[in-house]
Amino acid sequence: MKISVEISYYPLRQEYRQPISEFLTRLSQHPSLEVEYGKMSSFIFGDYGVIMPLLEAEMGKTLRVIPKSVFVIKLSGGCH
């Protein structure tokens, strides 16, 4: 099933740009996903079975390094 994900990541620290960039770079390296970047959120398009485990893994990595972080996620089926 194809889905769209709108995701915003807010590292709660003074230097916030680098962690956001690193997180999005890791997501965009997956060959079967399409990632679009915005100023306040980014969009990921692809298969549910690929996106969800990838988000779980990448958000887990991020939260282990920067525990004071906020992710805001919206999922939508077939909106791309």
C-alpha atoms as a PDB file:
ATOM      1  CA  MET A   1       0.000   0.000   0.000  1.00  0.00           C
ATOM      2  CA  LYS A   2       1.395   3.398  -1.006  1.00  0.00           C
ATOM      3  CA  ILE A   3       1.425   6.109   1.653  1.00  0.00           C
ATOM      4  CA  SER A   4       2.503   9.696   2.159  1.00  0.00           C
ATOM      5  CA  VAL A   5       4.183  10.789   5.365  1.00  0.00           C
ATOM      6  CA  GLU A   6       4.587  14.377   6.472  1.00  0.00           C
ATOM      7  CA  ILE A   7       7.275  14.527   9.133  1.00  0.00           C
ATOM      8  CA  SER A   8       8.756  17.338  11.190  1.00  0.00           C
ATOM      9  CA  TYR A   9      11.725  16.832  13.478  1.00  0.00           C
ATOM     10  CA  TYR A  10      12.614  19.269  16.242  1.00  0.00           C
ATOM     11  CA  PRO A  11      15.804  18.538  18.201  1.00  0.00           C
ATOM     12  CA  LEU A  12      15.399  20.502  21.416  1.00  0.00           C
ATOM     13  CA  ARG A  13      18.862  21.988  21.522  1.00  0.00           C
ATOM     14  CA  GLN A  14      20.734  25.079  20.413  1.00  0.00           C
ATOM     15  CA  GLU A  15      22.387  23.429  17.377  1.00  0.00           C
ATOM     16  CA  TYR A  16      19.386  21.950  15.575  1.00  0.00           C
ATOM     17  CA  ARG A  17      20.202  22.063  11.857  1.00  0.00           C
ATOM     18  CA  GLN A  18      22.813  19.316  11.704  1.00  0.00           C
ATOM     19  CA  PRO A  19      20.666  16.610  13.395  1.00  0.00           C
ATOM     20  CA  ILE A  20      17.751  17.427  11.083  1.00  0.00           C
ATOM     21  CA  SER A  21      19.988  17.246   8.025  1.00  0.00           C
ATOM     22  CA  GLU A  22      21.514  13.943   9.143  1.00  0.00           C
ATOM     23  CA  PHE A  23      18.083  12.408   9.810  1.00  0.00           C
ATOM     24  CA  LEU A  24      16.724  13.451   6.406  1.00  0.00           C
ATOM     25  CA  THR A  25      19.886  12.301   4.626  1.00  0.00           C
ATOM     26  CA  ARG A  26      19.510   8.821   6.110  1.00  0.00           C
ATOM     27  CA  LEU A  27      15.873   8.645   4.995  1.00  0.00           C
ATOM     28  CA  SER A  28      16.607   9.903   1.493  1.00  0.00           C
ATOM     29  CA  GLN A  29      19.280   7.241   0.908  1.00  0.00           C
ATOM     30  CA  HIS A  30      16.641   4.521   0.665  1.00  0.00           C
ATOM     31  CA  PRO A  31      16.267   3.787  -3.065  1.00  0.00           C
ATOM     32  CA  SER A  32      12.538   3.038  -3.109  1.00  0.00           C
ATOM     33  CA  LEU A  33      11.429   6.224  -1.335  1.00  0.00           C
ATOM     34  CA  GLU A  34      10.794   9.699  -2.635  1.00  0.00           C
ATOM     35  CA  VAL A  35      11.623  12.504  -0.197  1.00  0.00           C
ATOM     36  CA  GLU A  36      10.613  16.138  -0.646  1.00  0.00           C
ATOM     37  CA  TYR A  37      12.022  18.804   1.652  1.00  0.00           C
ATOM     38  CA  GLY A  38      10.129  21.770   3.050  1.00  0.00           C
ATOM     39  CA  LYS A  39      10.945  24.544   5.482  1.00  0.00           C
ATOM     40  CA  MET A  40       8.934  23.147   8.414  1.00  0.00           C
ATOM     41  CA  SER A  41       8.357  19.539   7.377  1.00  0.00           C
ATOM     42  CA  SER A  42       9.369  16.978   4.809  1.00  0.00           C
ATOM     43  CA  PHE A  43       7.331  14.479   2.828  1.00  0.00           C
ATOM     44  CA  ILE A  44       8.110  10.825   2.241  1.00  0.00           C
ATOM     45  CA  PHE A  45       6.324   8.792  -0.407  1.00  0.00           C
ATOM     46  CA  GLY A  46       6.515   5.041  -0.796  1.00  0.00           C
ATOM     47  CA  ASP A  47       5.285   1.685   0.388  1.00  0.00           C
ATOM     48  CA  TYR A  48       3.893   1.370   3.912  1.00  0.00           C
ATOM     49  CA  GLY A  49       5.905  -1.813   4.535  1.00  0.00           C
ATOM     50  CA  VAL A  50       9.130   0.017   3.708  1.00  0.00           C
ATOM     51  CA  ILE A  51       8.456   3.383   5.319  1.00  0.00           C
ATOM     52  CA  MET A  52       7.221   2.298   8.736  1.00  0.00           C
ATOM     53  CA  PRO A  53      10.169   0.045   9.707  1.00  0.00           C
ATOM     54  CA  LEU A  54      12.575   2.640   8.309  1.00  0.00           C
ATOM     55  CA  LEU A  55      10.980   5.429  10.375  1.00  0.00           C
ATOM     56  CA  GLU A  56      11.050   3.234  13.476  1.00  0.00           C
ATOM     57  CA  ALA A  57      14.754   2.491  13.012  1.00  0.00           C
ATOM     58  CA  GLU A  58      15.839   6.026  12.103  1.00  0.00           C
ATOM     59  CA  MET A  59      13.791   7.757  14.798  1.00  0.00           C
ATOM     60  CA  GLY A  60      15.168   5.247  17.320  1.00  0.00           C
ATOM     61  CA  LYS A  61      18.756   6.066  16.287  1.00  0.00           C
ATOM     62  CA  THR A  62      18.009   9.769  16.556  1.00  0.00           C
ATOM     63  CA  LEU A  63      16.351   9.529  19.969  1.00  0.00           C
ATOM     64  CA  ARG A  64      19.262   7.524  21.375  1.00  0.00           C
ATOM     65  CA  VAL A  65      21.654  10.330  20.388  1.00  0.00           C
ATOM     66  CA  ILE A  66      19.363  13.298  21.110  1.00  0.00           C
ATOM     67  CA  PRO A  67      16.695  12.127  23.582  1.00  0.00           C
ATOM     68  CA  LYS A  68      15.176  15.598  23.861  1.00  0.00           C
ATOM     69  CA  SER A  69      13.602  15.561  20.414  1.00  0.00           C
ATOM     70  CA  VAL A  70      10.106  15.937  19.024  1.00  0.00           C
ATOM     71  CA  PHE A  71       8.756  14.210  15.913  1.00  0.00           C
ATOM     72  CA  VAL A  72       5.419  15.234  14.393  1.00  0.00           C
ATOM     73  CA  ILE A  73       4.121  12.716  11.853  1.00  0.00           C
ATOM     74  CA  LYS A  74       1.056  12.565   9.612  1.00  0.00           C
ATOM     75  CA  LEU A  75       0.302   9.449   7.569  1.00  0.00           C
ATOM     76  CA  SER A  76      -1.977   9.350   4.580  1.00  0.00           C
ATOM     77  CA  GLY A  77      -2.877   6.534   2.216  1.00  0.00           C
ATOM     78  CA  GLY A  78      -2.646   7.216  -1.500  1.00  0.00           C
ATOM     79  CA  CYS A  79      -2.163  10.992  -1.484  1.00  0.00           C
ATOM     80  CA  HIS A  80       0.677  11.221  -3.965  1.00  0.00           C
END
